[in-house]
Amino acid sequence: MTDSPGIQEARDDWDRLVRQQPDVDGWVAEQLAFQVTNGQAPKGVPLCRVARPNFATDESIANDQQILGSVADAIVASADRILAEPSLADFYLGQWLHTPGHQDAINVDAGYSEPMVVGRFDTALTSEGMRVLEFNGGMPGGMANTEAAAALVTGWDVYRKFNEKQAAAPMPVLRPAFEALLAAWNDFGGTGSALAVLAMPDEFLPIAAAHIPGFVATSADLGHELVVADPGRLLYEGGVVTLDGRRVDVVIRGFLSEMIEMMGERVQPLLAAVAAGDVCMVTSMRSGVYGHKALFAALTDPTLDLGLSAAQRDLAIKHLPWTRMVVDDWTVGPDGERIYLPDFIESARERLVVKPANGFAGMGVHLGWEEAPEQWSAAVAHALADGAHIVQDRIDVPTQEYPELAPGLPTQRYVADHNPIMANRQVVGYLIRLSLDGGITNVSTGSGTLTPTLKLG
């Protein structure tokens, strides 16, 4: 996909200004040190290690909105169809769905109308247009990080000088995300000022600690109090959920839905309250289904009737990568041919990815073009035995040049993904991750960096 002349001009202007600064190396050292000092350096590595933001325009945002609004509709419709048909649910969701207590929790009516309150689509802007790689529902990672990066960049003198020529503003994501969550609570019947609890297992707190202050501050700005607590601290008696003797109005799920079994008894009072409709979980248990990668296998299989219109199905096939569950069976291949899947996966290693159908943070992903044949064969054998993996056609994520936050501001070519953050199915901002090694652009693994997005105009 070719960028508009306005975006390329903005990049050129920014790069010129950043290189004109006096004592560039001293400035670079200051920006990297600032991030370490202010908790913006997971594993000691600064989050933002490039010297230019991403740019968006009204036109580019509207284009993303049109595509992803339709993809979101298709994902919700396919999930509802699969969950309603036991044989489909067993095939696509299998192990994940049948974790003890999981299916019952997923089928609970959330009490509000919007199924996708907040989420993030991970995509690539290829030469053939947008390709959607996955969807992350609930409270997706990266929102606080991208706001921190935006605060860093908009504090630079380069930003001030750039705005003297053309307007460019950050795209806050936390506020619209929390507004969407609170709108769900209002739809549930909530009014006034809420006590909201981010129900997060204590063992997750070290990972999330840097994000929590932004969540708390955003909630306070909107007139509500947010407290972080392990689900086991929530009591449920007499139709009321309490935390330290205070009535809880809203719960934000700070755990994956499949972790119910792991948390055991400490999460059961909360689940019982949600099932009874006595508290509003604004990131519903069911929203976890929409991020299950097996849905892409269903959506891109033309032989499967999901109750979608022809237009919905055509759009899914256009913007989603060919995907199949890794099983011992025949199917329709990526070029429309009939294939025996295990043999095809072995022989087409250079064009395929194998990964867990419900993985996260880049774990367990096998990129065929980066693995030796014996490694690939072992990964395929494991996936076939496990029954909970998918295979996808390779999407060539584009590269883009950025000035690196390093001595001399060297120009580096990064693999760049494009991840719109949505609130109430509206694009409100972006998580842009960059990688030098061409692999998985996941900041949490330490293999990538990120840059904020500024909206031009």
Protein backbone atom coordinates (compact mmCIF):
# COMPACT_ATOMS: atom_id res chain seq x y z
CA MET A 1 0.00 0.00 0.00
CA THR A 2 1.46 3.33 -1.08
CA ASP A 3 1.45 6.18 1.45
CA SER A 4 -0.12 9.48 0.50
CA PRO A 5 2.23 12.31 -0.59
CA GLY A 6 1.28 14.21 2.56
CA ILE A 7 2.52 11.42 4.84
CA GLN A 8 5.81 11.04 2.98
CA GLU A 9 6.33 14.81 3.05
CA ALA A 10 5.71 14.80 6.81
CA ARG A 11 8.34 12.08 7.28
CA ASP A 12 10.90 14.01 5.25
CA ASP A 13 10.23 17.25 7.13
CA TRP A 14 10.48 15.52 10.50
CA ASP A 15 13.72 13.75 9.66
CA ARG A 16 15.28 17.00 8.46
CA LEU A 17 14.37 18.75 11.71
CA VAL A 18 15.57 15.94 13.95
CA ARG A 19 18.97 15.87 12.23
CA GLN A 20 19.37 19.66 12.50
CA GLN A 21 19.45 19.60 16.30
CA PRO A 22 22.63 20.75 18.03
CA ASP A 23 24.47 17.96 19.89
CA VAL A 24 22.45 15.15 18.37
CA ASP A 25 24.29 12.45 20.32
CA GLY A 26 23.65 14.19 23.63
CA TRP A 27 19.97 14.54 22.77
CA VAL A 28 19.74 10.84 21.87
CA ALA A 29 21.33 9.81 25.17
CA GLU A 30 18.90 12.07 27.04
CA GLN A 31 15.83 10.49 25.39
CA LEU A 32 16.96 6.94 26.08
CA ALA A 33 17.86 7.75 29.69
CA PHE A 34 14.51 9.48 30.23
CA GLN A 35 12.65 6.30 29.30
CA VAL A 36 14.73 4.15 31.63
CA THR A 37 14.26 6.58 34.51
CA ASN A 38 10.50 6.87 33.97
CA GLY A 39 9.64 3.18 33.80
CA GLN A 40 9.37 3.04 30.02
CA ALA A 41 12.04 0.39 29.53
CA PRO A 42 10.82 -3.22 29.90
CA LYS A 43 13.75 -5.53 30.62
CA GLY A 44 15.93 -2.40 30.68
CA VAL A 45 15.33 -1.63 27.00
CA PRO A 46 13.66 1.74 26.16
CA LEU A 47 10.25 1.31 24.49
CA CYS A 48 10.79 3.95 21.79
CA ARG A 49 14.14 3.65 20.05
CA VAL A 50 13.40 5.57 16.86
CA ALA A 51 13.41 9.32 16.36
CA ARG A 52 10.29 9.73 14.23
CA PRO A 53 6.59 9.04 14.88
CA ASN A 54 4.18 7.32 12.54
CA PHE A 55 1.77 9.65 10.73
CA ALA A 56 -1.91 9.20 9.87
CA THR A 57 -4.49 11.31 8.08
CA ASP A 58 -8.27 11.49 8.17
CA GLU A 59 -8.28 9.55 4.91
CA SER A 60 -6.02 6.74 6.12
CA ILE A 61 -7.96 6.40 9.38
CA ALA A 62 -11.28 6.26 7.52
CA ASN A 63 -9.91 3.55 5.25
CA ASP A 64 -8.81 1.47 8.24
CA GLN A 65 -12.20 2.03 9.85
CA GLN A 66 -14.11 0.82 6.80
CA ILE A 67 -12.11 -2.41 6.54
CA LEU A 68 -11.88 -3.25 10.23
CA GLY A 69 -15.49 -2.41 11.00
CA SER A 70 -16.52 -5.03 8.45
CA VAL A 71 -13.94 -7.56 9.67
CA ALA A 72 -15.13 -7.06 13.25
CA ASP A 73 -18.72 -7.75 12.19
CA ALA A 74 -17.59 -10.96 10.46
CA ILE A 75 -15.60 -12.11 13.49
CA VAL A 76 -18.52 -11.60 15.87
CA ALA A 77 -20.96 -13.33 13.52
CA SER A 78 -18.65 -16.30 12.97
CA ALA A 79 -17.97 -16.70 16.70
CA ASP A 80 -21.67 -16.69 17.48
CA ARG A 81 -22.31 -19.29 14.76
CA ILE A 82 -19.48 -21.55 15.97
CA LEU A 83 -20.52 -21.36 19.62
CA ALA A 84 -24.09 -22.22 18.67
CA GLU A 85 -23.04 -25.42 16.86
CA PRO A 86 -21.36 -28.00 19.17
CA SER A 87 -19.52 -29.79 16.36
CA LEU A 88 -18.04 -26.54 15.08
CA ALA A 89 -17.17 -25.41 18.61
CA ASP A 90 -15.37 -28.70 19.28
CA PHE A 91 -13.39 -28.51 16.04
CA TYR A 92 -12.32 -24.86 16.18
CA LEU A 93 -12.26 -24.07 19.89
CA GLY A 94 -11.78 -27.56 21.38
CA GLN A 95 -9.30 -27.57 24.27
CA TRP A 96 -9.65 -23.85 24.88
CA LEU A 97 -13.42 -23.92 25.16
CA HIS A 98 -13.59 -27.01 27.36
CA THR A 99 -11.28 -25.77 30.10
CA PRO A 100 -13.31 -26.37 33.31
CA GLY A 101 -15.75 -23.50 33.90
CA HIS A 102 -14.75 -21.72 30.71
CA GLN A 103 -17.70 -22.50 28.46
CA ASP A 104 -20.26 -21.56 31.09
CA ALA A 105 -18.53 -18.22 31.69
CA ILE A 106 -18.36 -17.44 27.97
CA ASN A 107 -22.08 -18.06 27.51
CA VAL A 108 -23.11 -15.57 30.21
CA ASP A 109 -25.05 -12.57 28.91
CA ALA A 110 -22.81 -9.54 29.49
CA GLY A 111 -25.81 -7.28 30.04
CA TYR A 112 -24.87 -4.69 27.41
CA SER A 113 -25.21 -4.64 23.64
CA GLU A 114 -21.69 -4.08 22.25
CA PRO A 115 -19.72 -7.36 22.03
CA MET A 116 -16.39 -5.72 21.08
CA VAL A 117 -16.09 -2.85 23.54
CA VAL A 118 -12.32 -2.40 23.19
CA GLY A 119 -9.79 -4.28 21.08
CA ARG A 120 -6.75 -4.12 18.85
CA PHE A 121 -6.33 -5.46 15.34
CA ASP A 122 -2.79 -6.47 14.43
CA THR A 123 -2.37 -5.84 10.71
CA ALA A 124 0.17 -5.27 7.96
CA LEU A 125 -0.16 -2.69 5.20
CA THR A 126 1.07 -4.74 2.25
CA SER A 127 1.37 -3.79 -1.41
CA GLU A 128 -2.02 -5.44 -1.90
CA GLY A 129 -3.70 -3.59 0.95
CA MET A 130 -4.34 -4.29 4.62
CA ARG A 131 -3.96 -7.85 5.90
CA VAL A 132 -5.35 -8.63 9.35
CA LEU A 133 -3.07 -10.94 11.33
CA GLU A 134 -5.07 -11.24 14.55
CA PHE A 135 -7.49 -9.56 16.93
CA ASN A 136 -6.82 -8.88 20.62
CA GLY A 137 -9.95 -8.24 22.67
CA GLY A 138 -10.62 -7.22 26.26
CA MET A 139 -7.94 -4.73 27.36
CA PRO A 140 -5.26 -5.28 24.72
CA GLY A 141 -1.64 -4.55 25.50
CA GLY A 142 0.18 -1.55 24.17
CA MET A 143 -2.29 1.24 24.93
CA ALA A 144 -0.35 2.72 27.85
CA ASN A 145 2.95 2.21 26.04
CA THR A 146 1.86 4.08 22.93
CA GLU A 147 0.57 6.97 25.05
CA ALA A 148 3.88 7.11 26.91
CA ALA A 149 5.74 7.19 23.59
CA ALA A 150 3.44 9.98 22.36
CA ALA A 151 4.15 12.02 25.50
CA LEU A 152 7.88 11.54 24.90
CA VAL A 153 7.80 12.61 21.24
CA THR A 154 5.45 15.56 21.70
CA GLY A 155 7.81 16.90 24.36
CA TRP A 156 10.63 17.24 21.84
CA ASP A 157 11.58 20.62 20.39
CA VAL A 158 11.41 18.90 17.00
CA TYR A 159 7.67 18.45 17.52
CA ARG A 160 7.20 22.16 18.26
CA LYS A 161 9.11 23.17 15.12
CA PHE A 162 7.25 20.62 12.98
CA ASN A 163 3.92 22.07 14.12
CA GLU A 164 4.98 25.51 12.95
CA LYS A 165 4.63 24.19 9.39
CA GLN A 166 1.75 21.72 9.73
CA ALA A 167 -0.47 20.56 12.57
CA ALA A 168 0.15 17.12 14.02
CA ALA A 169 -1.52 15.86 17.16
CA PRO A 170 -1.19 12.68 19.21
CA MET A 171 -4.06 10.17 19.19
CA PRO A 172 -4.90 9.38 22.83
CA VAL A 173 -6.19 5.83 23.20
CA LEU A 174 -6.74 5.38 26.93
CA ARG A 175 -9.48 7.99 27.27
CA PRO A 176 -11.68 6.71 24.39
CA ALA A 177 -11.08 3.14 25.56
CA PHE A 178 -12.28 3.97 29.08
CA GLU A 179 -15.18 5.98 27.68
CA ALA A 180 -16.25 2.89 25.74
CA LEU A 181 -15.95 0.71 28.85
CA LEU A 182 -18.04 3.16 30.86
CA ALA A 183 -20.61 3.35 28.04
CA ALA A 184 -20.99 -0.43 28.35
CA TRP A 185 -21.58 0.02 32.08
CA ASN A 186 -24.20 2.70 31.37
CA ASP A 187 -25.88 0.30 28.91
CA PHE A 188 -25.83 -2.29 31.70
CA GLY A 189 -27.78 0.18 33.83
CA GLY A 190 -24.98 1.87 35.72
CA THR A 191 -25.21 5.56 36.62
CA GLY A 192 -23.22 8.11 38.55
CA SER A 193 -19.62 7.72 39.64
CA ALA A 194 -18.33 4.15 39.61
CA LEU A 195 -15.88 2.20 41.69
CA ALA A 196 -14.15 0.11 39.04
CA VAL A 197 -11.83 -2.78 39.79
CA LEU A 198 -9.21 -4.03 37.40
CA ALA A 199 -9.36 -7.68 38.46
CA MET A 200 -5.80 -8.81 37.85
CA PRO A 201 -4.05 -11.79 39.45
CA ASP A 202 -1.27 -10.66 41.77
CA GLU A 203 1.27 -12.64 39.76
CA PHE A 204 0.57 -10.39 36.75
CA LEU A 205 1.23 -7.13 38.60
CA PRO A 206 5.00 -6.96 37.93
CA ILE A 207 4.28 -7.21 34.19
CA ALA A 208 1.51 -4.60 34.23
CA ALA A 209 2.91 -2.19 36.83
CA ALA A 210 4.07 0.40 34.30
CA HIS A 211 0.62 0.57 32.68
CA ILE A 212 -1.52 0.90 35.80
CA PRO A 213 -0.88 4.60 36.65
CA GLY A 214 -2.19 5.63 33.23
CA PHE A 215 -5.32 3.52 33.70
CA VAL A 216 -5.96 4.98 37.16
CA ALA A 217 -5.38 8.57 36.01
CA THR A 218 -7.63 8.20 32.96
CA SER A 219 -10.44 6.77 35.05
CA ALA A 220 -10.10 9.63 37.54
CA ASP A 221 -10.20 12.21 34.73
CA LEU A 222 -13.55 10.73 33.71
CA GLY A 223 -14.89 11.01 37.28
CA HIS A 224 -14.49 7.39 38.35
CA GLU A 225 -12.18 5.52 40.71
CA LEU A 226 -10.14 2.57 39.50
CA VAL A 227 -8.51 0.12 41.89
CA VAL A 228 -6.36 -2.87 40.95
CA ALA A 229 -7.01 -6.04 42.93
CA ASP A 230 -6.56 -9.78 42.69
CA PRO A 231 -9.92 -11.44 41.90
CA GLY A 232 -9.62 -13.32 45.18
CA ARG A 233 -10.04 -10.07 47.12
CA LEU A 234 -13.54 -9.53 45.72
CA LEU A 235 -16.36 -10.74 47.98
CA TYR A 236 -19.84 -11.59 46.76
CA GLU A 237 -22.62 -11.68 49.33
CA GLY A 238 -26.28 -10.75 49.18
CA GLY A 239 -26.14 -9.83 45.50
CA VAL A 240 -23.35 -7.30 46.05
CA VAL A 241 -19.67 -7.42 45.08
CA THR A 242 -17.36 -5.63 47.49
CA LEU A 243 -13.69 -4.81 47.80
CA ASP A 244 -12.48 -3.97 51.31
CA GLY A 245 -16.07 -3.24 52.33
CA ARG A 246 -16.84 -0.95 49.36
CA ARG A 247 -19.42 -1.81 46.72
CA VAL A 248 -17.90 -2.52 43.30
CA ASP A 249 -19.81 -1.24 40.26
CA VAL A 250 -17.57 -2.20 37.35
CA VAL A 251 -15.03 -4.98 36.79
CA ILE A 252 -12.38 -4.89 34.06
CA ARG A 253 -11.07 -8.37 33.34
CA GLY A 254 -7.30 -8.34 33.77
CA PHE A 255 -6.80 -12.01 32.94
CA LEU A 256 -7.30 -14.29 29.96
CA SER A 257 -10.60 -16.12 29.96
CA GLU A 258 -8.89 -19.50 29.78
CA MET A 259 -7.13 -18.82 33.11
CA ILE A 260 -10.27 -19.63 35.09
CA GLU A 261 -9.00 -23.11 35.95
CA MET A 262 -5.60 -21.79 37.01
CA MET A 263 -7.15 -19.22 39.37
CA GLY A 264 -9.45 -21.82 40.95
CA GLU A 265 -11.62 -20.73 43.84
CA ARG A 266 -10.33 -17.18 44.01
CA VAL A 267 -12.20 -16.20 40.83
CA GLN A 268 -15.44 -18.08 41.49
CA PRO A 269 -17.27 -15.36 43.51
CA LEU A 270 -16.62 -12.87 40.70
CA LEU A 271 -17.86 -15.26 38.02
CA ALA A 272 -20.97 -16.02 40.07
CA ALA A 273 -21.73 -12.30 40.42
CA VAL A 274 -21.29 -11.73 36.69
CA ALA A 275 -23.54 -14.70 35.87
CA ALA A 276 -26.21 -13.35 38.21
CA GLY A 277 -26.03 -9.89 36.66
CA ASP A 278 -24.99 -8.33 39.97
CA VAL A 279 -21.85 -6.66 38.62
CA CYS A 280 -20.86 -5.41 35.19
CA MET A 281 -17.74 -6.96 33.64
CA VAL A 282 -17.11 -4.47 30.84
CA THR A 283 -14.54 -6.73 29.19
CA SER A 284 -16.81 -9.74 29.05
CA MET A 285 -15.66 -13.32 29.20
CA ARG A 286 -17.16 -13.83 25.76
CA SER A 287 -15.00 -11.10 24.24
CA GLY A 288 -12.05 -13.47 24.64
CA VAL A 289 -13.54 -15.66 21.90
CA TYR A 290 -13.09 -12.94 19.29
CA GLY A 291 -9.33 -13.08 19.64
CA HIS A 292 -9.17 -16.83 19.03
CA LYS A 293 -7.14 -17.32 15.86
CA ALA A 294 -9.17 -20.37 14.84
CA LEU A 295 -11.93 -17.97 13.79
CA PHE A 296 -9.72 -16.97 10.86
CA ALA A 297 -9.64 -20.62 9.81
CA ALA A 298 -13.43 -20.67 9.76
CA LEU A 299 -13.77 -17.33 8.01
CA THR A 300 -11.37 -18.20 5.18
CA ASP A 301 -12.82 -21.65 4.49
CA PRO A 302 -15.27 -21.21 1.59
CA THR A 303 -16.85 -24.61 2.23
CA LEU A 304 -18.10 -23.64 5.69
CA ASP A 305 -21.49 -21.97 6.11
CA LEU A 306 -21.21 -19.38 8.88
CA GLY A 307 -24.40 -17.54 8.03
CA LEU A 308 -22.42 -14.62 6.60
CA SER A 309 -23.48 -12.65 3.57
CA ALA A 310 -21.45 -13.04 0.38
CA ALA A 311 -20.07 -9.55 0.92
CA GLN A 312 -18.92 -10.38 4.46
CA ARG A 313 -17.25 -13.60 3.34
CA ASP A 314 -15.55 -11.93 0.36
CA LEU A 315 -14.18 -9.19 2.59
CA ALA A 316 -12.84 -11.72 5.09
CA ILE A 317 -11.04 -13.66 2.38
CA LYS A 318 -9.61 -10.42 0.94
CA HIS A 319 -8.20 -9.05 4.19
CA LEU A 320 -7.43 -12.18 6.25
CA PRO A 321 -4.59 -14.61 5.52
CA TRP A 322 -5.54 -18.10 4.40
CA THR A 323 -5.81 -20.04 7.66
CA ARG A 324 -6.56 -23.65 8.62
CA MET A 325 -6.59 -25.72 11.78
CA VAL A 326 -3.58 -28.07 11.68
CA VAL A 327 -5.34 -31.41 11.27
CA ASP A 328 -4.89 -34.60 9.31
CA ASP A 329 -7.41 -33.90 6.56
CA TRP A 330 -8.03 -32.57 3.05
CA THR A 331 -9.03 -28.93 2.55
CA VAL A 332 -9.03 -26.03 0.11
CA GLY A 333 -5.55 -24.55 -0.24
CA PRO A 334 -4.51 -20.87 -0.41
CA ASP A 335 -4.76 -20.86 -4.19
CA GLY A 336 -8.14 -22.60 -4.28
CA GLU A 337 -6.72 -26.05 -4.97
CA ARG A 338 -7.63 -29.21 -3.05
CA ILE A 339 -4.76 -30.23 -0.76
CA TYR A 340 -3.87 -32.88 1.80
CA LEU A 341 -3.01 -30.50 4.63
CA PRO A 342 -0.11 -32.28 6.42
CA ASP A 343 1.77 -32.82 3.16
CA PHE A 344 1.11 -29.26 2.03
CA ILE A 345 2.41 -27.79 5.30
CA GLU A 346 5.61 -29.83 5.01
CA SER A 347 6.25 -28.94 1.38
CA ALA A 348 5.27 -25.26 1.50
CA ARG A 349 7.36 -24.34 4.54
CA GLU A 350 8.72 -21.13 2.98
CA ARG A 351 5.26 -19.57 2.71
CA LEU A 352 3.66 -20.72 5.98
CA VAL A 353 3.39 -19.90 9.68
CA VAL A 354 2.34 -22.38 12.37
CA LYS A 355 1.23 -21.04 15.75
CA PRO A 356 -1.04 -21.81 18.70
CA ALA A 357 -4.66 -20.98 17.96
CA ASN A 358 -4.86 -19.06 21.19
CA GLY A 359 -1.31 -17.95 21.85
CA PHE A 360 -0.09 -14.49 22.79
CA ALA A 361 3.12 -12.41 23.03
CA GLY A 362 4.63 -14.23 20.06
CA MET A 363 5.04 -17.48 22.00
CA GLY A 364 5.09 -20.75 20.10
CA VAL A 365 5.11 -19.11 16.65
CA HIS A 366 7.05 -20.92 13.91
CA LEU A 367 7.98 -18.95 10.79
CA GLY A 368 8.64 -21.56 8.11
CA TRP A 369 11.06 -19.43 6.10
CA GLU A 370 13.25 -18.97 9.18
CA GLU A 371 13.38 -22.62 10.30
CA ALA A 372 15.43 -25.56 9.11
CA PRO A 373 13.39 -28.43 7.58
CA GLU A 374 13.88 -30.65 10.64
CA GLN A 375 12.75 -27.88 13.00
CA TRP A 376 9.70 -27.26 10.86
CA SER A 377 8.81 -30.96 10.71
CA ALA A 378 9.00 -31.17 14.50
CA ALA A 379 6.75 -28.12 14.86
CA VAL A 380 4.22 -29.58 12.43
CA ALA A 381 4.23 -32.94 14.21
CA HIS A 382 3.61 -31.21 17.53
CA ALA A 383 0.79 -29.12 16.06
CA LEU A 384 -0.90 -32.20 14.57
CA ALA A 385 -0.70 -34.06 17.88
CA ASP A 386 -1.86 -31.06 19.90
CA GLY A 387 -4.92 -30.23 17.79
CA ALA A 388 -4.94 -26.59 18.87
CA HIS A 389 -2.68 -24.94 16.29
CA ILE A 390 -3.33 -23.08 13.07
CA VAL A 391 -1.35 -22.73 9.87
CA GLN A 392 -1.45 -19.45 7.97
CA ASP A 393 -0.19 -18.18 4.66
CA ARG A 394 2.79 -15.88 5.02
CA ILE A 395 2.10 -12.17 5.02
CA ASP A 396 5.13 -10.13 4.02
CA VAL A 397 5.10 -7.29 6.52
CA PRO A 398 6.49 -4.16 4.82
CA THR A 399 9.65 -2.40 5.87
CA GLN A 400 10.15 1.29 6.47
CA GLU A 401 13.14 3.50 7.17
CA TYR A 402 13.39 5.36 10.49
CA PRO A 403 16.18 7.35 12.13
CA GLU A 404 17.31 5.25 15.07
CA LEU A 405 17.72 6.77 18.54
CA ALA A 406 21.43 5.97 18.53
CA PRO A 407 24.62 8.02 18.16
CA GLY A 408 24.56 9.79 14.81
CA LEU A 409 20.85 8.98 14.23
CA PRO A 410 21.62 6.22 11.70
CA THR A 411 18.85 5.35 9.26
CA GLN A 412 17.62 1.80 9.79
CA ARG A 413 15.10 -0.26 7.86
CA TYR A 414 12.49 -1.79 10.17
CA VAL A 415 9.75 -4.32 9.67
CA ALA A 416 6.68 -2.28 10.61
CA ASP A 417 3.28 -3.60 11.61
CA HIS A 418 0.14 -1.47 11.84
CA ASN A 419 -2.19 -2.13 14.75
CA PRO A 420 -5.35 -0.02 15.04
CA ILE A 421 -6.88 0.24 18.50
CA MET A 422 -10.68 0.30 18.48
CA ALA A 423 -13.25 1.45 21.02
CA ASN A 424 -16.87 0.66 20.25
CA ARG A 425 -15.61 -0.49 16.83
CA GLN A 426 -14.16 2.94 16.02
CA VAL A 427 -10.45 3.38 15.29
CA VAL A 428 -9.10 5.67 18.03
CA GLY A 429 -5.35 5.19 17.70
CA TYR A 430 -2.51 2.87 16.78
CA LEU A 431 0.17 0.66 18.22
CA ILE A 432 3.04 0.70 15.70
CA ARG A 433 5.72 -1.91 16.42
CA LEU A 434 9.05 -2.07 14.63
CA SER A 435 11.65 -4.80 14.36
CA LEU A 436 15.15 -4.79 12.90
CA ASP A 437 15.48 -8.57 12.62
CA GLY A 438 12.40 -9.14 10.46
CA GLY A 439 10.86 -11.51 12.99
CA ILE A 440 7.92 -11.11 15.33
CA THR A 441 7.35 -7.45 16.12
CA ASN A 442 6.36 -7.94 19.74
CA VAL A 443 7.66 -5.36 22.21
CA SER A 444 7.04 -7.59 25.24
CA THR A 445 9.61 -10.09 23.97
CA GLY A 446 12.28 -7.38 23.79
CA SER A 447 12.66 -8.00 20.06
CA GLY A 448 11.03 -4.78 18.91
CA THR A 449 10.45 -1.13 19.53
CA LEU A 450 7.44 1.11 19.02
CA THR A 451 6.64 4.59 17.85
CA PRO A 452 3.53 6.71 18.47
CA THR A 453 1.15 7.94 15.80
CA LEU A 454 0.49 11.62 15.13
CA LYS A 455 -2.55 12.66 13.15
CA LEU A 456 -1.85 15.28 10.50
CA GLY A 457 -4.20 18.19 9.91
